Amino acid sequence: MTELEIQTLVERTKQGDRDAFAMLYERFIDQIYRYIYFRVDHADAEDLVETVFVKAWENIQKYANNGNTFSSWLFRIAHNLVVDHYRLNHSVEAITEDYQEYRAEFHPGVTTERKLDNDLLHKGLKHLKDDYQQFLILKYINELSNKDISTMLEKSEGSLRILQYRALRALRTVLEDMGMKW
C-alpha cells in the first residue's frame, strides 16, 4: 500500500468510514503488534495493541500530515502506551533499567528489526556445536576479550581465532538457511 493510498484511507476514516479504518487496521496491525510484543510482557501485548487502534480511531481528526506519515503517528501512539504501561505497572527503576528512550536509534522500525534479528540469532545459535555457541556468546554477547575467553576455555588465543572463524562461518550458514539475507 502506497503512502498516497494510506492518506486516502485516513481521509475517508476522518469522514467516518469504518471500512477505510478497517483497511488501515489490517495494514498496520502486524507491525504494531510486533513493536509492542517485544517491549512489554506478552500477556499485555494484545490489550495494548487494541488500545492503540481505539485511540487512533478516537483521535483520527487530530492527525495531520505535516510531513509525518500515518504510520509514524500510529507508532507514536503505541510508544506512548508502552511508556504509560511501564509507568503504571513498574517502578521508576524498572523504566530506567529496561526501557529505552524514544530516539532515532530506538525508532519502532529499528527496534522491531533488532528484536527480530536477536530472536533469529538466538534460534541460530541453538543449531551450532556447543563450543561455537559458548565462544560466540562470550565474545559477542558478553563482550569478553580473547584473553579472558582463552583463560576461561583454557585455549590459546591463536586457537580462539580459528574457533572464531569457524563459529562465525557456521552461524552465517545456519542463519542463511533460516532465511536471513546479508
C-alpha atoms as a PDB file:
ATOM      1  CA  MET A   1       0.000   0.000   0.000  1.00  0.00           C
ATOM      2  CA  THR A   2       1.477   3.337  -1.020  1.00  0.00           C
ATOM      3  CA  GLU A   3       1.596   6.408   1.198  1.00  0.00           C
ATOM      4  CA  LEU A   4      -0.966   8.070  -1.066  1.00  0.00           C
ATOM      5  CA  GLU A   5      -3.366   5.128  -0.614  1.00  0.00           C
ATOM      6  CA  ILE A   6      -2.838   5.281   3.143  1.00  0.00           C
ATOM      7  CA  GLN A   7      -3.581   9.018   3.184  1.00  0.00           C
ATOM      8  CA  THR A   8      -6.735   8.419   1.148  1.00  0.00           C
ATOM      9  CA  LEU A   9      -7.878   5.847   3.718  1.00  0.00           C
ATOM     10  CA  VAL A  10      -7.078   8.284   6.525  1.00  0.00           C
ATOM     11  CA  GLU A  11      -9.207  10.984   4.894  1.00  0.00           C
ATOM     12  CA  ARG A  12     -12.080   8.531   4.419  1.00  0.00           C
ATOM     13  CA  THR A  13     -11.704   7.476   8.069  1.00  0.00           C
ATOM     14  CA  LYS A  14     -11.887  11.109   9.169  1.00  0.00           C
ATOM     15  CA  GLN A  15     -15.258  11.245   7.409  1.00  0.00           C
ATOM     16  CA  GLY A  16     -16.443   8.291   9.479  1.00  0.00           C
ATOM     17  CA  ASP A  17     -15.757   5.457   7.018  1.00  0.00           C
ATOM     18  CA  ARG A  18     -15.292   2.386   9.221  1.00  0.00           C
ATOM     19  CA  ASP A  19     -14.282   0.218   6.275  1.00  0.00           C
ATOM     20  CA  ALA A  20     -11.401   2.562   5.498  1.00  0.00           C
ATOM     21  CA  PHE A  21     -10.258   2.320   9.115  1.00  0.00           C
ATOM     22  CA  ALA A  22     -10.524  -1.464   8.931  1.00  0.00           C
ATOM     23  CA  MET A  23      -8.174  -1.380   5.950  1.00  0.00           C
ATOM     24  CA  LEU A  24      -5.705   0.762   7.913  1.00  0.00           C
ATOM     25  CA  TYR A  25      -6.018  -1.662  10.798  1.00  0.00           C
ATOM     26  CA  GLU A  26      -5.224  -4.611   8.522  1.00  0.00           C
ATOM     27  CA  ARG A  27      -2.267  -2.750   7.047  1.00  0.00           C
ATOM     28  CA  PHE A  28      -0.635  -1.880  10.395  1.00  0.00           C
ATOM     29  CA  ILE A  29      -1.803  -4.476  12.931  1.00  0.00           C
ATOM     30  CA  ASP A  30       1.180  -6.822  12.498  1.00  0.00           C
ATOM     31  CA  GLN A  31       3.763  -4.056  12.725  1.00  0.00           C
ATOM     32  CA  ILE A  32       2.182  -2.505  15.800  1.00  0.00           C
ATOM     33  CA  TYR A  33       1.790  -5.908  17.429  1.00  0.00           C
ATOM     34  CA  ARG A  34       5.465  -6.787  16.866  1.00  0.00           C
ATOM     35  CA  TYR A  35       6.534  -3.409  18.220  1.00  0.00           C
ATOM     36  CA  ILE A  36       4.531  -3.820  21.414  1.00  0.00           C
ATOM     37  CA  TYR A  37       5.082  -7.567  21.795  1.00  0.00           C
ATOM     38  CA  PHE A  38       8.840  -7.154  22.173  1.00  0.00           C
ATOM     39  CA  ARG A  39       8.550  -4.265  24.615  1.00  0.00           C
ATOM     40  CA  VAL A  40       6.055  -5.500  27.208  1.00  0.00           C
ATOM     41  CA  ASP A  41       5.033  -8.746  28.837  1.00  0.00           C
ATOM     42  CA  HIS A  42       3.453 -10.933  26.216  1.00  0.00           C
ATOM     43  CA  ALA A  43       0.223 -11.186  28.216  1.00  0.00           C
ATOM     44  CA  ASP A  44      -0.280  -7.413  27.929  1.00  0.00           C
ATOM     45  CA  ALA A  45       0.593  -7.043  24.251  1.00  0.00           C
ATOM     46  CA  GLU A  46      -2.833  -7.765  22.748  1.00  0.00           C
ATOM     47  CA  ASP A  47      -4.631  -5.374  25.079  1.00  0.00           C
ATOM     48  CA  LEU A  48      -2.174  -2.597  24.301  1.00  0.00           C
ATOM     49  CA  VAL A  49      -2.442  -3.187  20.557  1.00  0.00           C
ATOM     50  CA  GLU A  50      -6.211  -2.974  20.809  1.00  0.00           C
ATOM     51  CA  THR A  51      -5.879   0.266  22.746  1.00  0.00           C
ATOM     52  CA  VAL A  52      -3.590   1.736  20.067  1.00  0.00           C
ATOM     53  CA  PHE A  53      -6.266   1.291  17.438  1.00  0.00           C
ATOM     54  CA  VAL A  54      -9.057   2.510  19.694  1.00  0.00           C
ATOM     55  CA  LYS A  55      -7.055   5.676  20.394  1.00  0.00           C
ATOM     56  CA  ALA A  56      -6.279   6.053  16.694  1.00  0.00           C
ATOM     57  CA  TRP A  57      -9.998   5.836  15.867  1.00  0.00           C
ATOM     58  CA  GLU A  58     -10.917   8.290  18.626  1.00  0.00           C
ATOM     59  CA  ASN A  59      -8.209  10.788  17.658  1.00  0.00           C
ATOM     60  CA  ILE A  60      -8.080  10.440  13.877  1.00  0.00           C
ATOM     61  CA  GLN A  61      -9.342  14.013  13.492  1.00  0.00           C
ATOM     62  CA  LYS A  62      -6.190  15.254  15.252  1.00  0.00           C
ATOM     63  CA  TYR A  63      -3.898  13.540  12.766  1.00  0.00           C
ATOM     64  CA  ALA A  64      -2.407  15.965  10.267  1.00  0.00           C
ATOM     65  CA  ASN A  65       0.004  15.011   7.530  1.00  0.00           C
ATOM     66  CA  ASN A  66       2.579  17.694   8.298  1.00  0.00           C
ATOM     67  CA  GLY A  67       5.455  15.696   6.897  1.00  0.00           C
ATOM     68  CA  ASN A  68       4.718  12.860   9.314  1.00  0.00           C
ATOM     69  CA  THR A  69       3.344   9.642   7.963  1.00  0.00           C
ATOM     70  CA  PHE A  70       0.291   7.975   9.400  1.00  0.00           C
ATOM     71  CA  SER A  71       2.445   5.037  10.438  1.00  0.00           C
ATOM     72  CA  SER A  72       4.749   7.294  12.495  1.00  0.00           C
ATOM     73  CA  TRP A  73       1.672   8.790  14.170  1.00  0.00           C
ATOM     74  CA  LEU A  74       0.362   5.307  14.928  1.00  0.00           C
ATOM     75  CA  PHE A  75       3.724   4.144  16.278  1.00  0.00           C
ATOM     76  CA  ARG A  76       3.883   7.240  18.454  1.00  0.00           C
ATOM     77  CA  ILE A  77       0.552   6.241  19.990  1.00  0.00           C
ATOM     78  CA  ALA A  78       1.959   2.755  20.564  1.00  0.00           C
ATOM     79  CA  HIS A  79       5.124   4.190  22.099  1.00  0.00           C
ATOM     80  CA  ASN A  80       3.147   6.404  24.466  1.00  0.00           C
ATOM     81  CA  LEU A  81       1.004   3.464  25.555  1.00  0.00           C
ATOM     82  CA  VAL A  82       4.100   1.378  26.259  1.00  0.00           C
ATOM     83  CA  VAL A  83       5.547   4.205  28.352  1.00  0.00           C
ATOM     84  CA  ASP A  84       2.241   4.564  30.216  1.00  0.00           C
ATOM     85  CA  HIS A  85       2.147   0.810  30.726  1.00  0.00           C
ATOM     86  CA  TYR A  86       5.576   0.896  32.367  1.00  0.00           C
ATOM     87  CA  ARG A  87       4.638   3.889  34.478  1.00  0.00           C
ATOM     88  CA  LEU A  88       1.534   2.161  35.783  1.00  0.00           C
ATOM     89  CA  ASN A  89       2.939  -1.332  36.166  1.00  0.00           C
ATOM     90  CA  HIS A  90       6.605  -0.904  37.008  1.00  0.00           C
ATOM     91  CA  SER A  91       8.678   1.191  39.308  1.00  0.00           C
ATOM     92  CA  VAL A  92      10.696   4.114  38.028  1.00  0.00           C
ATOM     93  CA  GLU A  93      13.843   1.978  38.406  1.00  0.00           C
ATOM     94  CA  ALA A  94      12.395  -0.610  36.034  1.00  0.00           C
ATOM     95  CA  ILE A  95      11.694   2.059  33.441  1.00  0.00           C
ATOM     96  CA  THR A  96      15.205   3.442  33.551  1.00  0.00           C
ATOM     97  CA  GLU A  97      16.799  -0.010  33.515  1.00  0.00           C
ATOM     98  CA  ASP A  98      14.650  -1.774  30.955  1.00  0.00           C
ATOM     99  CA  TYR A  99      13.043   0.897  28.845  1.00  0.00           C
ATOM    100  CA  GLN A 100      14.902   2.761  26.141  1.00  0.00           C
ATOM    101  CA  GLU A 101      14.212   6.358  25.250  1.00  0.00           C
ATOM    102  CA  TYR A 102      12.429   7.311  22.087  1.00  0.00           C
ATOM    103  CA  ARG A 103      15.363   8.436  19.976  1.00  0.00           C
ATOM    104  CA  ALA A 104      16.284   7.728  16.394  1.00  0.00           C
ATOM    105  CA  GLU A 105      18.166   4.534  17.276  1.00  0.00           C
ATOM    106  CA  PHE A 106      15.056   3.300  19.101  1.00  0.00           C
ATOM    107  CA  HIS A 107      12.648   4.071  16.279  1.00  0.00           C
ATOM    108  CA  PRO A 108       9.921   1.419  16.229  1.00  0.00           C
ATOM    109  CA  GLY A 109      11.110   0.017  12.920  1.00  0.00           C
ATOM    110  CA  VAL A 110      14.714  -0.186  14.070  1.00  0.00           C
ATOM    111  CA  THR A 111      13.767  -1.647  17.437  1.00  0.00           C
ATOM    112  CA  THR A 112      11.465  -4.239  15.920  1.00  0.00           C
ATOM    113  CA  GLU A 113      14.028  -5.233  13.322  1.00  0.00           C
ATOM    114  CA  ARG A 114      16.708  -5.539  16.003  1.00  0.00           C
ATOM    115  CA  LYS A 115      14.450  -7.714  18.158  1.00  0.00           C
ATOM    116  CA  LEU A 116      13.575  -9.952  15.216  1.00  0.00           C
ATOM    117  CA  ASP A 117      17.283 -10.266  14.408  1.00  0.00           C
ATOM    118  CA  ASN A 118      18.013 -11.145  18.049  1.00  0.00           C
ATOM    119  CA  ASP A 119      15.341 -13.839  18.016  1.00  0.00           C
ATOM    120  CA  LEU A 120      16.746 -15.246  14.774  1.00  0.00           C
ATOM    121  CA  LEU A 121      20.254 -15.150  16.249  1.00  0.00           C
ATOM    122  CA  HIS A 122      19.043 -16.949  19.354  1.00  0.00           C
ATOM    123  CA  LYS A 123      17.482 -19.702  17.249  1.00  0.00           C
ATOM    124  CA  GLY A 124      20.564 -19.889  15.026  1.00  0.00           C
ATOM    125  CA  LEU A 125      22.914 -20.298  17.967  1.00  0.00           C
ATOM    126  CA  LYS A 126      20.972 -23.351  19.110  1.00  0.00           C
ATOM    127  CA  HIS A 127      21.935 -25.117  15.874  1.00  0.00           C
ATOM    128  CA  LEU A 128      25.669 -24.725  16.479  1.00  0.00           C
ATOM    129  CA  LYS A 129      28.095 -27.010  18.267  1.00  0.00           C
ATOM    130  CA  ASP A 130      28.462 -26.248  21.970  1.00  0.00           C
ATOM    131  CA  ASP A 131      31.989 -24.813  21.695  1.00  0.00           C
ATOM    132  CA  TYR A 132      30.858 -22.480  18.886  1.00  0.00           C
ATOM    133  CA  GLN A 133      27.850 -21.350  20.919  1.00  0.00           C
ATOM    134  CA  GLN A 134      29.949 -20.789  24.005  1.00  0.00           C
ATOM    135  CA  PHE A 135      32.595 -18.769  22.182  1.00  0.00           C
ATOM    136  CA  LEU A 136      30.104 -16.573  20.297  1.00  0.00           C
ATOM    137  CA  ILE A 137      28.121 -15.823  23.437  1.00  0.00           C
ATOM    138  CA  LEU A 138      31.232 -14.975  25.436  1.00  0.00           C
ATOM    139  CA  LYS A 139      32.751 -12.874  22.662  1.00  0.00           C
ATOM    140  CA  TYR A 140      29.783 -11.052  21.142  1.00  0.00           C
ATOM    141  CA  ILE A 141      27.021 -11.099  23.717  1.00  0.00           C
ATOM    142  CA  ASN A 142      29.087 -10.813  26.902  1.00  0.00           C
ATOM    143  CA  GLU A 143      31.754  -8.812  25.041  1.00  0.00           C
ATOM    144  CA  LEU A 144      34.722 -10.533  26.671  1.00  0.00           C
ATOM    145  CA  SER A 145      38.222 -10.157  25.279  1.00  0.00           C
ATOM    146  CA  ASN A 146      40.018 -13.049  23.608  1.00  0.00           C
ATOM    147  CA  LYS A 147      42.435 -13.059  26.537  1.00  0.00           C
ATOM    148  CA  ASP A 148      39.601 -13.547  29.056  1.00  0.00           C
ATOM    149  CA  ILE A 149      37.957 -16.194  26.882  1.00  0.00           C
ATOM    150  CA  SER A 150      41.249 -18.063  26.424  1.00  0.00           C
ATOM    151  CA  THR A 151      41.637 -18.189  30.206  1.00  0.00           C
ATOM    152  CA  MET A 152      38.062 -19.395  30.715  1.00  0.00           C
ATOM    153  CA  LEU A 153      38.210 -22.044  27.985  1.00  0.00           C
ATOM    154  CA  GLU A 154      41.849 -22.952  28.620  1.00  0.00           C
ATOM    155  CA  LYS A 155      42.759 -22.437  24.971  1.00  0.00           C
ATOM    156  CA  SER A 156      45.433 -20.332  23.347  1.00  0.00           C
ATOM    157  CA  GLU A 157      44.455 -17.044  21.749  1.00  0.00           C
ATOM    158  CA  GLY A 158      45.634 -18.458  18.408  1.00  0.00           C
ATOM    159  CA  SER A 159      43.234 -21.379  18.669  1.00  0.00           C
ATOM    160  CA  LEU A 160      40.457 -18.924  19.596  1.00  0.00           C
ATOM    161  CA  ARG A 161      40.959 -17.059  16.325  1.00  0.00           C
ATOM    162  CA  ILE A 162      40.432 -20.327  14.457  1.00  0.00           C
ATOM    163  CA  LEU A 163      37.419 -21.122  16.632  1.00  0.00           C
ATOM    164  CA  GLN A 164      36.027 -17.634  15.988  1.00  0.00           C
ATOM    165  CA  TYR A 165      36.382 -18.021  12.222  1.00  0.00           C
ATOM    166  CA  ARG A 166      34.717 -21.426  12.200  1.00  0.00           C
ATOM    167  CA  ALA A 167      31.945 -20.399  14.595  1.00  0.00           C
ATOM    168  CA  LEU A 168      31.077 -17.284  12.599  1.00  0.00           C
ATOM    169  CA  ARG A 169      31.134 -19.221   9.340  1.00  0.00           C
ATOM    170  CA  ALA A 170      28.860 -21.907  10.824  1.00  0.00           C
ATOM    171  CA  LEU A 171      26.496 -19.270  12.240  1.00  0.00           C
ATOM    172  CA  ARG A 172      26.318 -17.497   8.911  1.00  0.00           C
ATOM    173  CA  THR A 173      25.412 -20.768   7.176  1.00  0.00           C
ATOM    174  CA  VAL A 174      22.715 -21.530   9.747  1.00  0.00           C
ATOM    175  CA  LEU A 175      21.241 -18.027   9.514  1.00  0.00           C
ATOM    176  CA  GLU A 176      21.224 -18.127   5.724  1.00  0.00           C
ATOM    177  CA  ASP A 177      19.431 -21.477   5.901  1.00  0.00           C
ATOM    178  CA  MET A 178      16.877 -19.773   8.139  1.00  0.00           C
ATOM    179  CA  GLY A 179      16.295 -17.071   5.526  1.00  0.00           C
ATOM    180  CA  MET A 180      18.463 -14.198   6.739  1.00  0.00           C
ATOM    181  CA  LYS A 181      19.941 -12.129   3.929  1.00  0.00           C
ATOM    182  CA  TRP A 182      23.265 -10.275   4.061  1.00  0.00           C
END
